[in-house]
Structures are given as C-alpha cells and as structure tokens.
Protein backbone atom coordinates (compact mmCIF):
# COMPACT_ATOMS: atom_id res chain seq x y z
CA MET A 1 -6.75 -61.63 -67.78
CA ASP A 2 -4.37 -60.30 -70.18
CA PRO A 3 -1.65 -62.38 -71.66
CA ILE A 4 1.86 -61.40 -70.38
CA LYS A 5 5.21 -62.27 -72.44
CA ILE A 6 8.32 -63.10 -70.71
CA VAL A 7 11.48 -63.10 -72.56
CA VAL A 8 14.81 -64.71 -71.80
CA THR A 9 17.31 -63.40 -74.03
CA ASP A 10 20.41 -65.62 -72.74
CA TYR A 11 20.94 -67.96 -70.63
CA ILE A 12 23.62 -70.10 -68.45
CA GLU A 13 21.34 -73.24 -67.68
CA PRO A 14 21.02 -76.43 -69.86
CA ASP A 15 17.59 -75.08 -70.41
CA LEU A 16 14.57 -73.50 -68.74
CA GLU A 17 11.81 -76.16 -68.54
CA TRP A 18 11.98 -76.00 -64.71
CA GLU A 19 11.30 -71.95 -64.88
CA ARG A 20 8.39 -72.99 -67.38
CA ALA A 21 6.77 -75.80 -65.32
CA GLN A 22 6.81 -72.94 -62.19
CA LEU A 23 4.98 -70.80 -64.26
CA ALA A 24 2.69 -73.09 -65.53
CA ARG A 25 -0.29 -72.18 -63.06
CA TYR A 26 -0.91 -69.16 -64.53
CA GLN A 27 -2.25 -70.01 -67.82
CA HIS A 28 -2.04 -66.59 -69.25
CA VAL A 29 1.90 -66.39 -68.87
CA ARG A 30 4.10 -67.42 -72.16
CA LEU A 31 7.56 -68.29 -71.40
CA GLU A 32 10.29 -67.73 -74.08
CA TYR A 33 14.07 -68.24 -74.16
CA HIS A 34 16.68 -67.83 -76.06
CA GLN A 35 20.41 -67.79 -76.74
CA LEU A 36 20.81 -64.47 -78.18
CA LYS A 37 24.18 -63.25 -76.49
CA PHE A 38 26.00 -63.09 -80.02
CA ALA A 39 22.85 -62.59 -82.23
CA PRO A 40 22.65 -59.35 -84.38
CA GLN A 41 20.85 -56.33 -82.31
CA ASP A 42 17.69 -56.87 -85.22
CA GLU A 43 17.66 -60.42 -84.05
CA LEU A 44 17.09 -59.48 -80.19
CA ILE A 45 14.89 -56.53 -80.77
CA ALA A 46 12.98 -58.95 -82.72
CA ALA A 47 12.85 -61.54 -80.08
CA VAL A 48 11.97 -59.03 -77.23
CA ARG A 49 9.86 -56.15 -78.74
CA ASP A 50 6.65 -57.54 -77.60
CA ALA A 51 7.67 -58.79 -73.94
CA ASP A 52 6.62 -57.44 -71.00
CA VAL A 53 9.15 -59.08 -69.14
CA VAL A 54 13.07 -59.30 -70.01
CA LEU A 55 15.07 -61.60 -68.43
CA VAL A 56 19.07 -60.27 -69.68
CA ASN A 57 21.87 -62.71 -68.74
CA MET A 58 25.02 -60.89 -70.76
CA VAL A 59 23.30 -59.97 -73.72
CA PRO A 60 23.72 -55.81 -73.77
CA MET A 61 20.56 -54.34 -73.32
CA THR A 62 21.59 -50.90 -74.95
CA ALA A 63 19.30 -47.42 -75.03
CA ALA A 64 18.66 -48.56 -78.72
CA VAL A 65 17.01 -51.58 -78.32
CA ILE A 66 15.26 -50.42 -74.81
CA ASP A 67 13.58 -47.62 -77.20
CA ARG A 68 12.26 -50.61 -79.28
CA LEU A 69 10.45 -52.08 -76.26
CA GLU A 70 6.75 -51.44 -76.95
CA ARG A 71 5.11 -52.77 -73.75
CA CYS A 72 7.78 -54.29 -71.87
CA ARG A 73 7.24 -52.68 -67.48
CA LEU A 74 10.23 -54.89 -66.33
CA ILE A 75 13.96 -56.31 -67.33
CA ILE A 76 15.18 -57.92 -65.10
CA ARG A 77 19.34 -58.79 -64.85
CA HIS A 78 20.56 -62.34 -63.94
CA GLY A 79 22.97 -61.12 -61.61
CA VAL A 80 24.44 -59.41 -59.41
CA GLY A 81 25.84 -56.53 -61.49
CA TYR A 82 23.70 -54.67 -64.05
CA ASP A 83 26.55 -53.13 -66.08
CA ASN A 84 24.78 -54.22 -69.52
CA VAL A 85 21.77 -52.55 -69.01
CA ASP A 86 21.33 -48.79 -69.70
CA VAL A 87 19.51 -48.15 -66.60
CA ALA A 88 19.02 -44.67 -67.80
CA ALA A 89 17.14 -45.22 -70.82
CA ALA A 90 15.24 -47.87 -68.99
CA THR A 91 14.05 -45.01 -66.64
CA ALA A 92 13.08 -42.59 -68.99
CA ARG A 93 10.68 -45.49 -70.69
CA GLY A 94 9.48 -45.95 -67.54
CA ILE A 95 10.35 -49.26 -67.54
CA ARG A 96 11.61 -50.86 -64.24
CA VAL A 97 14.84 -52.76 -63.75
CA ALA A 98 15.56 -55.62 -61.31
CA TYR A 99 18.45 -57.51 -60.20
CA GLU A 100 19.54 -60.35 -58.04
CA PRO A 101 22.38 -58.92 -55.45
CA ASP A 102 21.64 -61.86 -53.00
CA TYR A 103 22.34 -65.10 -54.20
CA CYS A 104 26.15 -65.53 -54.53
CA THR A 105 27.38 -63.64 -51.86
CA ASP A 106 29.08 -66.23 -50.16
CA GLU A 107 30.52 -68.10 -52.91
CA VAL A 108 32.08 -64.90 -54.76
CA ALA A 109 33.37 -64.09 -51.09
CA GLU A 110 35.08 -67.68 -50.55
CA HIS A 111 36.51 -66.93 -54.25
CA ALA A 112 38.42 -63.42 -53.62
CA ILE A 113 39.83 -65.05 -50.29
CA ALA A 114 40.92 -67.83 -52.36
CA LEU A 115 42.49 -65.99 -55.30
CA MET A 116 44.02 -64.27 -52.56
CA LEU A 117 45.34 -66.50 -50.64
CA ALA A 118 46.52 -68.62 -53.89
CA ALA A 119 48.75 -65.50 -54.91
CA TRP A 120 50.33 -64.40 -51.80
CA ARG A 121 51.22 -67.74 -51.23
CA LYS A 122 52.44 -68.39 -54.99
CA LEU A 123 50.54 -71.55 -55.56
CA PHE A 124 51.12 -72.03 -59.02
CA VAL A 125 54.96 -71.23 -58.80
CA GLY A 126 55.07 -73.53 -56.14
CA ARG A 127 53.89 -76.27 -59.28
CA GLN A 128 56.84 -75.68 -61.07
CA VAL A 129 58.81 -75.61 -58.24
CA LEU A 130 57.55 -78.98 -57.41
CA GLU A 131 57.58 -79.93 -60.96
CA GLU A 132 61.84 -79.11 -61.14
CA SER A 133 62.67 -80.42 -58.07
CA SER A 134 60.44 -83.95 -58.84
CA ARG A 135 62.97 -84.18 -61.91
CA ASN A 136 66.02 -82.88 -60.64
CA GLY A 137 65.47 -84.73 -57.40
CA ILE A 138 66.00 -82.00 -55.18
CA TRP A 139 64.74 -79.36 -53.79
CA ASN A 140 65.26 -76.01 -55.42
CA PHE A 141 62.22 -73.10 -53.80
CA ASP A 142 64.78 -70.03 -55.34
CA ALA A 143 61.94 -69.38 -57.57
CA ILE A 144 59.29 -69.24 -54.99
CA TYR A 145 60.95 -66.82 -52.55
CA PRO A 146 60.11 -64.88 -50.63
CA ILE A 147 56.80 -65.78 -49.12
CA ALA A 148 55.70 -63.57 -46.13
CA GLY A 149 53.46 -64.21 -43.59
CA LEU A 150 49.83 -62.28 -43.42
CA ARG A 151 49.59 -61.45 -39.90
CA GLY A 152 49.86 -57.91 -39.48
CA LYS A 153 49.14 -57.38 -43.08
CA THR A 154 47.15 -54.88 -44.23
CA LEU A 155 43.82 -55.82 -46.51
CA GLY A 156 42.22 -52.76 -48.26
CA ILE A 157 38.52 -53.60 -49.96
CA VAL A 158 37.34 -51.44 -52.33
CA GLY A 159 33.50 -51.95 -52.09
CA CYS A 160 31.90 -53.11 -48.86
CA GLY A 161 28.38 -54.00 -49.26
CA ARG A 162 27.31 -57.81 -49.38
CA ILE A 163 30.33 -59.26 -50.88
CA GLY A 164 32.78 -57.06 -49.15
CA SER A 165 31.42 -57.66 -45.92
CA THR A 166 31.56 -60.95 -46.18
CA VAL A 167 35.17 -61.05 -46.99
CA LEU A 168 35.80 -58.68 -44.13
CA ALA A 169 33.76 -61.00 -41.75
CA ARG A 170 35.31 -64.31 -42.68
CA LEU A 171 39.36 -62.81 -42.94
CA ARG A 172 39.07 -61.41 -39.35
CA SER A 173 40.79 -64.34 -37.98
CA PHE A 174 43.54 -63.79 -40.14
CA GLY A 175 45.36 -61.36 -37.75
CA PHE A 176 45.03 -58.66 -40.60
CA ARG A 177 44.35 -54.97 -40.53
CA PHE A 178 41.75 -53.95 -42.52
CA LEU A 179 41.19 -50.69 -44.30
CA VAL A 180 38.22 -49.83 -46.55
CA CYS A 181 36.82 -47.99 -49.08
CA ASP A 182 33.16 -47.38 -49.87
CA PRO A 183 31.96 -43.40 -50.25
CA TYR A 184 28.64 -44.87 -50.02
CA LEU A 185 28.50 -46.61 -46.54
CA SER A 186 26.45 -44.79 -43.89
CA GLU A 187 27.71 -43.64 -40.94
CA THR A 188 25.61 -46.35 -39.26
CA ARG A 189 27.19 -49.17 -41.17
CA LYS A 190 30.79 -48.33 -40.77
CA ALA A 191 30.14 -48.46 -37.41
CA GLU A 192 29.47 -51.28 -37.69
CA LEU A 193 31.88 -52.51 -39.57
CA GLY A 194 34.55 -51.72 -36.84
CA VAL A 195 37.39 -50.33 -39.61
CA PRO A 196 38.44 -47.58 -40.78
CA VAL A 197 36.89 -45.97 -43.72
CA VAL A 198 39.77 -44.03 -46.16
CA PRO A 199 39.62 -42.36 -49.85
CA LEU A 200 40.75 -44.79 -52.36
CA ALA A 201 44.14 -42.78 -52.40
CA GLN A 202 44.63 -43.67 -48.75
CA LEU A 203 44.19 -47.52 -48.74
CA LEU A 204 46.13 -48.40 -51.96
CA PRO A 205 49.39 -47.33 -50.47
CA ALA A 206 49.16 -48.75 -47.30
CA ALA A 207 47.52 -51.67 -48.21
CA ASP A 208 49.58 -55.35 -48.86
CA ILE A 209 46.70 -56.85 -50.65
CA VAL A 210 43.97 -54.80 -52.19
CA THR A 211 40.41 -56.87 -52.89
CA LEU A 212 38.04 -55.47 -55.81
CA HIS A 213 34.23 -55.46 -54.96
CA ALA A 214 32.50 -52.31 -56.54
CA VAL A 215 29.92 -51.97 -58.85
CA LEU A 216 31.03 -51.03 -62.38
CA ASN A 217 29.25 -47.74 -63.63
CA GLU A 218 30.89 -44.64 -65.33
CA GLU A 219 31.92 -43.29 -62.03
CA THR A 220 34.43 -46.56 -61.17
CA ARG A 221 35.35 -47.67 -64.85
CA ASN A 222 38.85 -48.05 -65.06
CA LEU A 223 38.79 -47.10 -61.51
CA ILE A 224 42.59 -48.58 -60.98
CA GLY A 225 44.43 -47.77 -63.52
CA ALA A 226 48.37 -46.44 -64.07
CA GLN A 227 47.81 -43.99 -61.25
CA GLN A 228 46.42 -46.27 -58.63
CA LEU A 229 48.62 -48.94 -59.33
CA ARG A 230 51.96 -46.48 -59.01
CA LEU A 231 50.46 -45.91 -55.77
CA MET A 232 50.40 -49.38 -54.76
CA LYS A 233 53.42 -51.41 -52.67
CA SER A 234 55.84 -53.09 -55.27
CA THR A 235 55.12 -55.81 -53.32
CA ALA A 236 51.46 -55.81 -52.88
CA TYR A 237 48.47 -57.66 -55.08
CA LEU A 238 45.11 -56.65 -56.75
CA VAL A 239 41.90 -59.28 -56.57
CA ASN A 240 39.72 -58.57 -59.18
CA THR A 241 36.07 -61.21 -58.62
CA ALA A 242 33.85 -57.85 -59.62
CA ARG A 243 34.14 -56.60 -62.85
CA GLY A 244 36.81 -56.44 -65.57
CA GLY A 245 35.92 -52.99 -66.41
CA LEU A 246 37.04 -51.91 -62.81
CA VAL A 247 40.74 -51.98 -63.58
CA ASP A 248 42.54 -50.66 -67.25
CA THR A 249 44.06 -53.87 -68.58
CA GLU A 250 46.79 -52.26 -69.85
CA ALA A 251 47.83 -50.29 -67.01
CA LEU A 252 47.68 -53.84 -64.87
CA VAL A 253 49.78 -55.47 -67.42
CA ARG A 254 52.24 -53.11 -67.44
CA ALA A 255 52.43 -52.61 -63.42
CA LEU A 256 53.22 -56.95 -62.98
CA ARG A 257 55.54 -56.54 -66.16
CA GLU A 258 57.47 -53.73 -64.88
CA ASN A 259 56.73 -55.02 -60.63
CA TRP A 260 55.04 -52.41 -60.16
CA ILE A 261 53.35 -54.71 -58.27
CA ALA A 262 54.04 -58.65 -57.06
CA GLY A 263 51.12 -59.71 -58.59
CA ALA A 264 47.01 -60.06 -59.05
CA ALA A 265 44.55 -62.05 -58.81
CA ILE A 266 41.19 -61.89 -61.40
CA ASP A 267 38.41 -63.57 -62.26
CA VAL A 268 36.78 -60.94 -64.47
CA TYR A 269 37.45 -59.64 -68.05
CA VAL A 270 36.80 -56.69 -70.21
CA LYS A 271 35.91 -59.14 -72.63
CA GLU A 272 34.11 -62.51 -71.68
CA PRO A 273 35.87 -64.82 -72.35
CA PRO A 274 39.22 -62.93 -73.05
CA ASP A 275 41.02 -63.30 -76.47
CA PRO A 276 43.53 -66.03 -76.85
CA ASP A 277 46.41 -63.22 -77.28
CA CYS A 278 45.07 -61.36 -74.11
CA PRO A 279 48.58 -60.51 -72.83
CA LEU A 280 47.85 -61.18 -69.16
CA PHE A 281 48.16 -65.04 -70.24
CA ALA A 282 51.70 -63.98 -70.49
CA CYS A 283 52.08 -62.82 -67.06
CA PRO A 284 53.73 -65.01 -64.87
CA ASN A 285 52.86 -63.43 -61.98
CA VAL A 286 49.05 -63.31 -62.36
CA VAL A 287 46.59 -66.08 -60.95
CA LEU A 288 43.72 -66.04 -63.98
CA ALA A 289 40.27 -67.78 -63.18
CA PRO A 290 37.55 -68.12 -65.74
CA HIS A 291 34.97 -66.09 -63.95
CA LEU A 292 33.53 -68.51 -61.40
CA GLY A 293 33.39 -66.32 -58.78
CA TRP A 294 29.52 -66.92 -58.66
CA TYR A 295 29.24 -70.34 -59.10
CA SER A 296 27.99 -73.03 -56.37
CA GLU A 297 25.17 -75.97 -57.16
CA GLU A 298 23.67 -74.06 -54.28
CA ALA A 299 24.02 -70.43 -55.98
CA ASN A 300 22.60 -71.83 -59.44
CA TRP A 301 19.88 -73.10 -57.82
CA SER A 302 19.11 -70.13 -55.55
CA ILE A 303 19.12 -67.52 -58.55
CA ARG A 304 17.13 -69.41 -60.76
CA GLU A 305 14.03 -69.52 -58.04
CA LYS A 306 14.84 -65.87 -57.17
CA ILE A 307 14.25 -65.20 -60.19
CA VAL A 308 10.78 -66.90 -61.23
CA GLU A 309 9.90 -65.07 -57.57
CA ASP A 310 10.61 -61.89 -59.62
CA PHE A 311 8.24 -63.16 -62.20
CA VAL A 312 5.55 -64.42 -60.08
CA ARG A 313 5.54 -61.08 -57.81
CA PHE A 314 5.33 -59.10 -61.36
CA ILE A 315 2.24 -61.35 -62.89
CA GLU A 316 0.33 -60.76 -59.55
CA GLY A 317 1.01 -57.21 -59.62
CA ARG A 318 4.24 -56.96 -56.91
CA PRO A 319 7.41 -55.60 -57.32
CA PRO A 320 10.41 -57.32 -57.52
CA ARG A 321 12.31 -58.14 -54.62
CA PHE A 322 15.59 -55.70 -55.82
CA LEU A 323 14.88 -52.59 -57.73
CA ILE A 324 17.31 -50.74 -59.10
CA ASN A 325 15.28 -47.32 -60.46
CA LYS A 326 14.07 -46.69 -57.06
CA GLU A 327 11.95 -44.03 -58.42
CA LEU A 328 9.56 -46.16 -60.64
CA ALA A 329 8.44 -47.98 -57.24
C-alpha cells in the first residue's frame, strides 16, 4: 500500500498518543502532530507540504498555505466552525474539506442557556450586591433592580441548525415566545420547528433575548453591527456562543456603554484569547466566558473518536462523515 501521512497542525489535547494507538494497525500510516498555531507560515508549510491529510484546529489554512500542499486530499477542521479554512481554495485544488459538527451540540446549547440566564438574572451584579450587603450588614438590592420574569418574553434564535434547534427544544418549557431567523431552513424543517421564521430585521426589535448560532462566513461576518443593535430593545440581551466575528465588537461595546441594549453574554471573540485591553472587559453589563461552550469531558472524547473515524474512512477509501465542499463528493 502507498504510505499515508496525516499531519495535525495544532491541538488542544495533552497529546495525541491515543490517536496514534488507534491507527497503529495501519502499518502504512504515519501520524505527526505539532503545535503551529502561532508559528510562521513557512514553518507551517514545511510541516504540511507532503501530508495526505491535514487536521487543523485554530491554525489559519489560507489559500497561500493550501497552494503549497503537494499531495493533500483531505483537510479536517477539528470542530463545528470552519472559518479558518479557505474552502474555496481547497476546492479549487480538488482537496476535500470536512468538519465535526455533531460533537458538542448539547454542550453549546446548554452554555448559551446558562449565559442568557446569568445575564438576564444579573448573577454577577448579584455577587457584588451580596458582598456589599454583607459588609454593611443590611440588604441593598438597588444595584440589581429591575429584573423581569422570563415567561412570555420573546427569544430570538439566529441560526437554527443543530445547536439553535437544541436551544429551542430545551427552552420550550420556559414559556417563551420564539422567533427564528435562518434563511437556509427548508419548508419541511420550518414546519417541524413550529415557530415563526422571520427576517433578522423583524426578529431584532421583537426579541427580549437574541442568541446567535450561525456559521461565520463572508455573508455573516459582522451580522450584528451598529444598525442591528439599534433595532434591539433597550431592555434586550445579546448572547453569542457561535463565532466572535458575527458581532462588530466596537459597535457592541458602544451599545453596552450607551445602553442601546441592557446587556450581553459572550463566549467567543474575534481574537482569541482577547487582548488584556479588550474594551468588553470594562463593560459591567456583559457576562464574559472563555470560549468553553464546546467543552465537556464527554464532548472532548467524542470529537477525538469522530476524527479518528474520519482518518480511518480516508485510509479505507471512504468519504468523511461531514463533507463541506460537496461538489467533490
């Protein structure tokens, strides 16, 4: 058999020796793994140039890098999003691009719900109220008022694929009204969801909470900017557990400072981790989390197993589980 070289550009696991052990039965397969997230482009190219399969986590797989791949037939993105891979460049070279969209659906949905509840119930302001009341020996809730009940409020879900629809399912018992914005839903899927599907400009002014679950691409970059934030209620909250680039950070900071909206809950950032002087850190009406919506012990192992399955499928001449550039199927 012809030798197969699999190269991992970067990873979040302690090591990938488990993956190596899973592939040990294939004597003609060699697995290499690196940490090249911050490496110069020349070093990245040197590592992947002769790979048959490239697994990428956060390394930018740009057209310049893809054009230097000499024998690659498959790029796998370690995760749900794939905005760091130039799919068009890969397609032009006849390279399949796959991803793993089904490994952390419950985790991200639960994280989004946790963040929206924390923001709505002002839990982090509540901690300050508790400490100040403790020091003074008397309750003083002035800083946390008002808090409205959630029953009867409108939840706007932007992007209603696996994660967005799981959020919808989890929260049906809360007594929300629901609005969905997703131009890619089929009529059959709309009927299955059983909630109104409307344009973004109609969803934003009606929603009390807006939660983002769209993919990041050139169509959705800065989907939520100053114009969209101006449409939202002054009492509304924005939740983003999808991709930082969906929201214009500068516009969001202004909206938070000038009270265009009541607050936000953010798990993802344009630059990760954000710089120490990121202006979101100075906004008291935003709940910030460290891009951990994907994480649970179960999900962490699930994606490793799914990626190894895609390795094996490639080795055995079968297509990946989830192909992005389906024209190369």
